[in-house]
N, C-alpha and C. Protein backbone atom coordinates (compact mmCIF):
# COMPACT_ATOMS: atom_id res chain seq x y z
N MET A 1 12.71 -6.15 -30.79
CA MET A 1 11.29 -6.42 -30.69
C MET A 1 10.72 -6.73 -32.07
N ASP A 2 10.00 -7.76 -32.18
CA ASP A 2 9.32 -8.18 -33.39
C ASP A 2 8.30 -7.11 -33.77
N SER A 3 8.19 -6.83 -35.08
CA SER A 3 7.27 -5.78 -35.52
C SER A 3 5.81 -6.11 -35.21
N GLY A 4 5.49 -7.39 -34.98
CA GLY A 4 4.13 -7.78 -34.63
C GLY A 4 3.78 -7.50 -33.18
N LYS A 5 4.76 -7.12 -32.40
CA LYS A 5 4.55 -6.83 -30.98
C LYS A 5 4.20 -5.35 -30.83
N ASN A 6 3.26 -5.05 -29.95
CA ASN A 6 2.81 -3.68 -29.77
C ASN A 6 3.73 -2.95 -28.80
N LYS A 7 4.48 -2.00 -29.31
CA LYS A 7 5.48 -1.30 -28.51
C LYS A 7 4.85 -0.45 -27.40
N PHE A 8 3.68 0.11 -27.65
CA PHE A 8 3.02 0.92 -26.62
C PHE A 8 2.65 0.06 -25.41
N LEU A 9 2.11 -1.12 -25.68
CA LEU A 9 1.75 -2.01 -24.58
C LEU A 9 2.99 -2.56 -23.87
N ILE A 10 4.05 -2.80 -24.61
CA ILE A 10 5.29 -3.27 -23.99
C ILE A 10 5.87 -2.20 -23.08
N ILE A 11 5.91 -0.96 -23.54
CA ILE A 11 6.44 0.13 -22.73
C ILE A 11 5.53 0.37 -21.52
N GLY A 12 4.22 0.33 -21.74
CA GLY A 12 3.28 0.47 -20.62
C GLY A 12 3.48 -0.64 -19.60
N SER A 13 3.71 -1.85 -20.08
CA SER A 13 3.95 -2.99 -19.21
C SER A 13 5.23 -2.80 -18.40
N ILE A 14 6.26 -2.32 -19.04
CA ILE A 14 7.53 -2.05 -18.35
C ILE A 14 7.32 -0.98 -17.28
N CYS A 15 6.57 0.06 -17.61
CA CYS A 15 6.29 1.13 -16.63
C CYS A 15 5.51 0.57 -15.43
N SER A 16 4.53 -0.28 -15.69
CA SER A 16 3.78 -0.90 -14.60
C SER A 16 4.69 -1.76 -13.74
N ALA A 17 5.59 -2.49 -14.38
CA ALA A 17 6.52 -3.35 -13.63
C ALA A 17 7.48 -2.52 -12.77
N VAL A 18 7.96 -1.41 -13.31
CA VAL A 18 8.84 -0.53 -12.54
C VAL A 18 8.09 0.05 -11.34
N ALA A 19 6.85 0.46 -11.56
CA ALA A 19 6.03 0.98 -10.46
C ALA A 19 5.80 -0.10 -9.41
N ALA A 20 5.56 -1.33 -9.85
CA ALA A 20 5.38 -2.44 -8.92
C ALA A 20 6.65 -2.64 -8.10
N LEU A 21 7.80 -2.61 -8.76
CA LEU A 21 9.06 -2.80 -8.05
C LEU A 21 9.34 -1.66 -7.06
N ALA A 22 8.94 -0.44 -7.41
CA ALA A 22 9.10 0.68 -6.48
C ALA A 22 8.26 0.44 -5.22
N HIS A 23 7.07 -0.09 -5.40
CA HIS A 23 6.22 -0.41 -4.24
C HIS A 23 6.82 -1.55 -3.42
N LEU A 24 7.38 -2.53 -4.08
CA LEU A 24 8.05 -3.61 -3.37
C LEU A 24 9.24 -3.06 -2.58
N GLY A 25 9.95 -2.12 -3.17
CA GLY A 25 11.06 -1.47 -2.48
C GLY A 25 10.61 -0.78 -1.21
N CYS A 26 9.44 -0.16 -1.24
CA CYS A 26 8.90 0.47 -0.02
C CYS A 26 8.70 -0.56 1.08
N ILE A 27 8.18 -1.71 0.71
CA ILE A 27 7.95 -2.77 1.70
C ILE A 27 9.29 -3.24 2.27
N ILE A 28 10.26 -3.45 1.40
CA ILE A 28 11.55 -4.01 1.82
C ILE A 28 12.38 -2.98 2.60
N PHE A 29 12.44 -1.74 2.10
CA PHE A 29 13.35 -0.75 2.66
C PHE A 29 12.70 0.21 3.65
N GLY A 30 11.38 0.17 3.77
CA GLY A 30 10.71 0.86 4.85
C GLY A 30 10.48 2.35 4.70
N GLY A 31 10.47 2.99 5.86
CA GLY A 31 10.05 4.38 5.98
C GLY A 31 10.72 5.37 5.04
N ASP A 32 12.03 5.24 4.87
CA ASP A 32 12.73 6.18 3.98
C ASP A 32 12.21 6.11 2.55
N TRP A 33 11.87 4.90 2.12
CA TRP A 33 11.33 4.76 0.76
C TRP A 33 9.92 5.34 0.67
N TYR A 34 9.10 5.12 1.68
CA TYR A 34 7.76 5.72 1.70
C TYR A 34 7.88 7.24 1.64
N ARG A 35 8.82 7.80 2.42
CA ARG A 35 9.03 9.26 2.40
C ARG A 35 9.50 9.72 1.03
N PHE A 36 10.49 9.03 0.46
CA PHE A 36 11.04 9.42 -0.83
C PHE A 36 9.97 9.47 -1.91
N PHE A 37 9.09 8.47 -1.90
CA PHE A 37 8.04 8.41 -2.91
C PHE A 37 6.81 9.23 -2.55
N GLY A 38 6.87 9.95 -1.42
CA GLY A 38 5.82 10.90 -1.07
C GLY A 38 4.56 10.30 -0.49
N ALA A 39 4.65 9.12 0.09
CA ALA A 39 3.46 8.46 0.63
C ALA A 39 2.98 9.08 1.93
N GLY A 40 3.74 9.96 2.49
CA GLY A 40 3.31 10.63 3.72
C GLY A 40 4.06 10.13 4.94
N GLU A 41 4.19 11.04 5.87
CA GLU A 41 4.93 10.73 7.11
C GLU A 41 4.23 9.64 7.92
N GLN A 42 2.91 9.65 7.93
CA GLN A 42 2.18 8.65 8.70
C GLN A 42 2.48 7.23 8.20
N MET A 43 2.45 7.05 6.88
CA MET A 43 2.77 5.72 6.31
C MET A 43 4.21 5.35 6.63
N ALA A 44 5.12 6.30 6.52
CA ALA A 44 6.53 6.03 6.80
C ALA A 44 6.72 5.61 8.25
N ARG A 45 6.08 6.32 9.16
CA ARG A 45 6.22 5.98 10.59
C ARG A 45 5.59 4.62 10.91
N MET A 46 4.42 4.36 10.32
CA MET A 46 3.79 3.06 10.55
C MET A 46 4.69 1.93 10.05
N ALA A 47 5.32 2.13 8.90
CA ALA A 47 6.24 1.12 8.37
C ALA A 47 7.42 0.92 9.32
N GLU A 48 7.95 2.01 9.82
CA GLU A 48 9.09 1.92 10.74
C GLU A 48 8.70 1.25 12.06
N ASP A 49 7.45 1.43 12.45
CA ASP A 49 6.97 0.83 13.70
C ASP A 49 6.52 -0.62 13.52
N GLY A 50 6.62 -1.13 12.30
CA GLY A 50 6.23 -2.51 12.04
C GLY A 50 4.74 -2.74 11.95
N HIS A 51 3.97 -1.67 11.76
CA HIS A 51 2.52 -1.80 11.63
C HIS A 51 2.19 -2.55 10.34
N TRP A 52 1.12 -3.33 10.36
CA TRP A 52 0.74 -4.15 9.21
C TRP A 52 0.18 -3.34 8.05
N TYR A 53 -0.43 -2.20 8.30
CA TYR A 53 -1.17 -1.46 7.28
C TYR A 53 -0.33 -1.08 6.05
N PRO A 54 0.83 -0.43 6.20
CA PRO A 54 1.60 -0.08 4.99
C PRO A 54 1.99 -1.30 4.15
N THR A 55 2.35 -2.37 4.83
CA THR A 55 2.76 -3.57 4.10
C THR A 55 1.60 -4.17 3.32
N VAL A 56 0.43 -4.25 3.93
CA VAL A 56 -0.73 -4.83 3.25
C VAL A 56 -1.16 -3.96 2.07
N VAL A 57 -1.32 -2.67 2.30
CA VAL A 57 -1.75 -1.77 1.23
C VAL A 57 -0.75 -1.77 0.08
N THR A 58 0.52 -1.66 0.41
CA THR A 58 1.56 -1.61 -0.62
C THR A 58 1.70 -2.95 -1.33
N SER A 59 1.48 -4.04 -0.63
CA SER A 59 1.51 -5.37 -1.26
C SER A 59 0.39 -5.52 -2.28
N ILE A 60 -0.78 -5.03 -1.94
CA ILE A 60 -1.92 -5.09 -2.86
C ILE A 60 -1.61 -4.27 -4.11
N ILE A 61 -1.07 -3.08 -3.92
CA ILE A 61 -0.71 -2.24 -5.06
C ILE A 61 0.36 -2.94 -5.91
N PHE A 62 1.35 -3.54 -5.26
CA PHE A 62 2.39 -4.29 -5.97
C PHE A 62 1.78 -5.40 -6.82
N LEU A 63 0.86 -6.16 -6.25
CA LEU A 63 0.24 -7.27 -6.98
C LEU A 63 -0.60 -6.78 -8.15
N VAL A 64 -1.37 -5.71 -7.94
CA VAL A 64 -2.20 -5.17 -9.02
C VAL A 64 -1.32 -4.66 -10.16
N LEU A 65 -0.29 -3.89 -9.84
CA LEU A 65 0.59 -3.36 -10.88
C LEU A 65 1.32 -4.48 -11.62
N SER A 66 1.69 -5.53 -10.90
CA SER A 66 2.34 -6.69 -11.54
C SER A 66 1.38 -7.37 -12.51
N LEU A 67 0.13 -7.54 -12.09
CA LEU A 67 -0.88 -8.13 -12.96
C LEU A 67 -1.10 -7.26 -14.20
N TRP A 68 -1.17 -5.95 -13.99
CA TRP A 68 -1.34 -5.04 -15.12
C TRP A 68 -0.17 -5.14 -16.09
N SER A 69 1.02 -5.30 -15.57
CA SER A 69 2.18 -5.48 -16.42
C SER A 69 2.03 -6.74 -17.27
N LEU A 70 1.57 -7.81 -16.65
CA LEU A 70 1.35 -9.05 -17.40
C LEU A 70 0.29 -8.87 -18.48
N TYR A 71 -0.76 -8.11 -18.19
CA TYR A 71 -1.79 -7.87 -19.21
C TYR A 71 -1.23 -7.08 -20.39
N GLY A 72 -0.36 -6.13 -20.10
CA GLY A 72 0.28 -5.39 -21.20
C GLY A 72 1.12 -6.31 -22.07
N LEU A 73 1.87 -7.20 -21.43
CA LEU A 73 2.68 -8.15 -22.19
C LEU A 73 1.80 -9.13 -22.96
N SER A 74 0.70 -9.54 -22.37
CA SER A 74 -0.21 -10.44 -23.06
C SER A 74 -0.85 -9.75 -24.27
N GLY A 75 -1.27 -8.51 -24.08
CA GLY A 75 -1.88 -7.77 -25.18
C GLY A 75 -0.92 -7.51 -26.32
N SER A 76 0.37 -7.43 -26.01
CA SER A 76 1.37 -7.21 -27.05
C SER A 76 1.91 -8.52 -27.61
N LYS A 77 1.34 -9.64 -27.15
CA LYS A 77 1.69 -10.98 -27.61
C LYS A 77 3.13 -11.38 -27.27
N VAL A 78 3.65 -10.82 -26.17
CA VAL A 78 4.97 -11.22 -25.68
C VAL A 78 4.83 -12.48 -24.84
N ILE A 79 3.71 -12.60 -24.13
CA ILE A 79 3.42 -13.80 -23.34
C ILE A 79 2.07 -14.36 -23.78
N PHE A 80 1.69 -15.46 -23.18
CA PHE A 80 0.42 -16.13 -23.50
C PHE A 80 -0.78 -15.20 -23.28
N ARG A 81 -1.89 -15.57 -23.88
CA ARG A 81 -3.11 -14.77 -23.78
C ARG A 81 -3.75 -14.97 -22.42
N LEU A 82 -3.98 -13.88 -21.72
CA LEU A 82 -4.65 -13.92 -20.42
C LEU A 82 -6.16 -13.82 -20.61
N PRO A 83 -6.93 -14.31 -19.65
CA PRO A 83 -8.39 -14.24 -19.77
C PRO A 83 -8.88 -12.79 -19.74
N PHE A 84 -9.98 -12.56 -20.43
CA PHE A 84 -10.63 -11.24 -20.47
C PHE A 84 -9.64 -10.14 -20.89
N LEU A 85 -8.82 -10.44 -21.89
CA LEU A 85 -7.73 -9.55 -22.28
C LEU A 85 -8.23 -8.17 -22.72
N LYS A 86 -9.22 -8.14 -23.61
CA LYS A 86 -9.73 -6.84 -24.07
C LYS A 86 -10.29 -6.03 -22.91
N LEU A 87 -11.14 -6.65 -22.11
CA LEU A 87 -11.73 -5.97 -20.96
C LEU A 87 -10.64 -5.51 -19.99
N GLY A 88 -9.68 -6.38 -19.72
CA GLY A 88 -8.60 -6.03 -18.81
C GLY A 88 -7.83 -4.82 -19.28
N LEU A 89 -7.48 -4.78 -20.55
CA LEU A 89 -6.72 -3.65 -21.08
C LEU A 89 -7.53 -2.35 -21.06
N ILE A 90 -8.82 -2.45 -21.31
CA ILE A 90 -9.68 -1.27 -21.24
C ILE A 90 -9.74 -0.75 -19.81
N VAL A 91 -9.96 -1.64 -18.86
CA VAL A 91 -10.07 -1.25 -17.46
C VAL A 91 -8.74 -0.66 -16.96
N ILE A 92 -7.63 -1.29 -17.31
CA ILE A 92 -6.31 -0.79 -16.91
C ILE A 92 -6.09 0.60 -17.48
N SER A 93 -6.38 0.77 -18.76
CA SER A 93 -6.22 2.08 -19.40
C SER A 93 -7.05 3.13 -18.68
N LEU A 94 -8.33 2.81 -18.43
CA LEU A 94 -9.22 3.77 -17.78
C LEU A 94 -8.78 4.11 -16.36
N ILE A 95 -8.35 3.12 -15.60
CA ILE A 95 -7.91 3.41 -14.23
C ILE A 95 -6.69 4.31 -14.23
N TYR A 96 -5.72 4.00 -15.08
CA TYR A 96 -4.54 4.88 -15.17
C TYR A 96 -4.93 6.30 -15.59
N LEU A 97 -5.79 6.41 -16.61
CA LEU A 97 -6.18 7.74 -17.10
C LEU A 97 -6.96 8.52 -16.04
N VAL A 98 -7.91 7.86 -15.39
CA VAL A 98 -8.70 8.53 -14.35
C VAL A 98 -7.80 8.95 -13.20
N ARG A 99 -6.91 8.05 -12.78
CA ARG A 99 -5.98 8.39 -11.69
C ARG A 99 -5.10 9.58 -12.10
N GLY A 100 -4.75 9.63 -13.38
CA GLY A 100 -3.90 10.72 -13.87
C GLY A 100 -4.57 12.08 -13.87
N VAL A 101 -5.87 12.11 -14.12
CA VAL A 101 -6.55 13.41 -14.24
C VAL A 101 -7.43 13.77 -13.05
N ALA A 102 -7.84 12.79 -12.27
CA ALA A 102 -8.79 13.06 -11.18
C ALA A 102 -8.12 13.16 -9.81
N PHE A 103 -6.80 13.37 -9.79
CA PHE A 103 -6.10 13.38 -8.51
C PHE A 103 -6.59 14.48 -7.57
N VAL A 104 -7.05 15.59 -8.11
CA VAL A 104 -7.53 16.69 -7.26
C VAL A 104 -8.72 16.22 -6.41
N ALA A 105 -9.55 15.37 -6.98
CA ALA A 105 -10.72 14.88 -6.25
C ALA A 105 -10.34 13.90 -5.14
N ILE A 106 -9.23 13.17 -5.33
CA ILE A 106 -8.85 12.19 -4.30
C ILE A 106 -7.79 12.69 -3.33
N MET A 107 -7.23 13.84 -3.59
CA MET A 107 -6.22 14.40 -2.68
C MET A 107 -6.72 14.53 -1.24
N PRO A 108 -7.95 15.00 -1.00
CA PRO A 108 -8.40 15.14 0.39
C PRO A 108 -8.50 13.82 1.15
N ILE A 109 -8.62 12.72 0.44
CA ILE A 109 -8.71 11.41 1.09
C ILE A 109 -7.36 11.02 1.70
N PHE A 110 -6.28 11.52 1.10
CA PHE A 110 -4.91 11.21 1.54
C PHE A 110 -4.15 12.50 1.82
N PRO A 111 -4.52 13.23 2.88
CA PRO A 111 -3.92 14.54 3.13
C PRO A 111 -2.43 14.50 3.46
N GLU A 112 -1.90 13.35 3.85
CA GLU A 112 -0.48 13.23 4.18
C GLU A 112 0.41 13.28 2.95
N ASN A 113 -0.15 12.94 1.78
CA ASN A 113 0.67 12.91 0.57
C ASN A 113 0.99 14.33 0.12
N SER A 114 2.23 14.53 -0.30
CA SER A 114 2.68 15.86 -0.71
C SER A 114 2.12 16.24 -2.08
N LEU A 115 2.11 17.53 -2.35
CA LEU A 115 1.68 18.00 -3.67
C LEU A 115 2.61 17.45 -4.75
N THR A 116 3.88 17.38 -4.44
CA THR A 116 4.84 16.81 -5.39
C THR A 116 4.47 15.37 -5.72
N PHE A 117 4.10 14.59 -4.69
CA PHE A 117 3.66 13.21 -4.91
C PHE A 117 2.50 13.18 -5.90
N TRP A 118 1.50 14.03 -5.67
CA TRP A 118 0.31 14.02 -6.52
C TRP A 118 0.63 14.42 -7.95
N LEU A 119 1.45 15.45 -8.13
CA LEU A 119 1.77 15.91 -9.48
C LEU A 119 2.62 14.89 -10.23
N VAL A 120 3.63 14.36 -9.57
CA VAL A 120 4.51 13.39 -10.24
C VAL A 120 3.77 12.09 -10.51
N SER A 121 3.12 11.53 -9.48
CA SER A 121 2.45 10.23 -9.68
C SER A 121 1.30 10.35 -10.67
N SER A 122 0.60 11.46 -10.65
CA SER A 122 -0.52 11.63 -11.59
C SER A 122 -0.02 11.77 -13.03
N SER A 123 1.09 12.47 -13.21
CA SER A 123 1.68 12.59 -14.55
C SER A 123 2.13 11.23 -15.06
N ILE A 124 2.74 10.45 -14.18
CA ILE A 124 3.18 9.11 -14.55
C ILE A 124 1.97 8.24 -14.92
N CYS A 125 0.92 8.30 -14.10
CA CYS A 125 -0.28 7.51 -14.40
C CYS A 125 -0.92 7.92 -15.72
N LEU A 126 -0.97 9.22 -15.98
CA LEU A 126 -1.53 9.70 -17.23
C LEU A 126 -0.71 9.18 -18.42
N PHE A 127 0.60 9.25 -18.30
CA PHE A 127 1.50 8.76 -19.35
C PHE A 127 1.28 7.26 -19.60
N ILE A 128 1.25 6.47 -18.51
CA ILE A 128 1.06 5.02 -18.66
C ILE A 128 -0.33 4.73 -19.22
N GLY A 129 -1.33 5.48 -18.78
CA GLY A 129 -2.68 5.30 -19.31
C GLY A 129 -2.76 5.55 -20.80
N ILE A 130 -2.03 6.55 -21.25
CA ILE A 130 -1.98 6.84 -22.69
C ILE A 130 -1.31 5.69 -23.43
N LEU A 131 -0.21 5.16 -22.87
CA LEU A 131 0.47 4.02 -23.50
C LEU A 131 -0.47 2.83 -23.64
N TYR A 132 -1.15 2.48 -22.55
CA TYR A 132 -2.09 1.34 -22.60
C TYR A 132 -3.24 1.63 -23.56
N SER A 133 -3.76 2.85 -23.56
CA SER A 133 -4.89 3.19 -24.44
C SER A 133 -4.50 3.10 -25.90
N VAL A 134 -3.39 3.71 -26.27
CA VAL A 134 -2.94 3.68 -27.66
C VAL A 134 -2.61 2.25 -28.07
N GLY A 135 -1.91 1.53 -27.20
CA GLY A 135 -1.56 0.15 -27.50
C GLY A 135 -2.78 -0.74 -27.67
N THR A 136 -3.75 -0.56 -26.79
CA THR A 136 -4.99 -1.34 -26.88
C THR A 136 -5.73 -1.02 -28.18
N TYR A 137 -5.82 0.26 -28.50
CA TYR A 137 -6.49 0.68 -29.74
C TYR A 137 -5.79 0.06 -30.96
N GLN A 138 -4.46 0.14 -30.98
CA GLN A 138 -3.71 -0.39 -32.12
C GLN A 138 -3.86 -1.90 -32.27
N SER A 139 -3.95 -2.60 -31.16
CA SER A 139 -3.99 -4.07 -31.19
C SER A 139 -5.40 -4.64 -31.14
N TRP A 140 -6.41 -3.79 -31.10
CA TRP A 140 -7.78 -4.23 -30.84
C TRP A 140 -8.20 -5.42 -31.70
N SER A 141 -7.97 -5.33 -33.00
CA SER A 141 -8.43 -6.40 -33.89
C SER A 141 -7.64 -7.70 -33.70
N LYS A 142 -6.46 -7.62 -33.12
CA LYS A 142 -5.62 -8.80 -32.90
C LYS A 142 -5.87 -9.42 -31.51
N LEU A 143 -6.72 -8.80 -30.70
CA LEU A 143 -6.92 -9.26 -29.33
C LEU A 143 -8.06 -10.26 -29.17
N SER A 144 -8.78 -10.55 -30.23
CA SER A 144 -9.90 -11.48 -30.09
C SER A 144 -9.38 -12.90 -29.95
N VAL A 145 -10.18 -13.75 -29.34
CA VAL A 145 -9.79 -15.13 -29.05
C VAL A 145 -9.45 -15.89 -30.34
N LYS A 146 -10.21 -15.67 -31.39
CA LYS A 146 -9.97 -16.43 -32.61
C LYS A 146 -8.61 -16.13 -33.24
N ASN A 147 -8.06 -14.92 -32.94
CA ASN A 147 -6.75 -14.57 -33.50
C ASN A 147 -5.62 -14.90 -32.53
N ALA A 148 -5.95 -15.42 -31.38
CA ALA A 148 -4.90 -15.67 -30.36
C ALA A 148 -3.97 -16.78 -30.73
């Protein structure tokens, strides 16, 4: 890696891509993957029954995480500059951080998800949020359009 590239954003981007691929795996491999990742028995059964809901929800998550991965790569100057880069990186950082710490507030909305799911996924989100936050902070002055 070139020293001009932001390692925190690159690692955050890789983490987002891995999370996206895990979601894609749920779509492809079905109920057992939903169960393994703690999405709840209801989601697993709906996937096994061919219901549209798990596929649509998981596809949206896959697309969002993939986009976030691209923003991390863009912010680290590995790929071309994406529009609204500074705003995008701030929003991505905040969403990951909020998801990492506010899981107790959203747990009742998804009662099928296991406590293990919440603890593991929230820790991962907090970690990725820290990577994006530190990387964004470090690269802030290099993220303006005139320096692109």
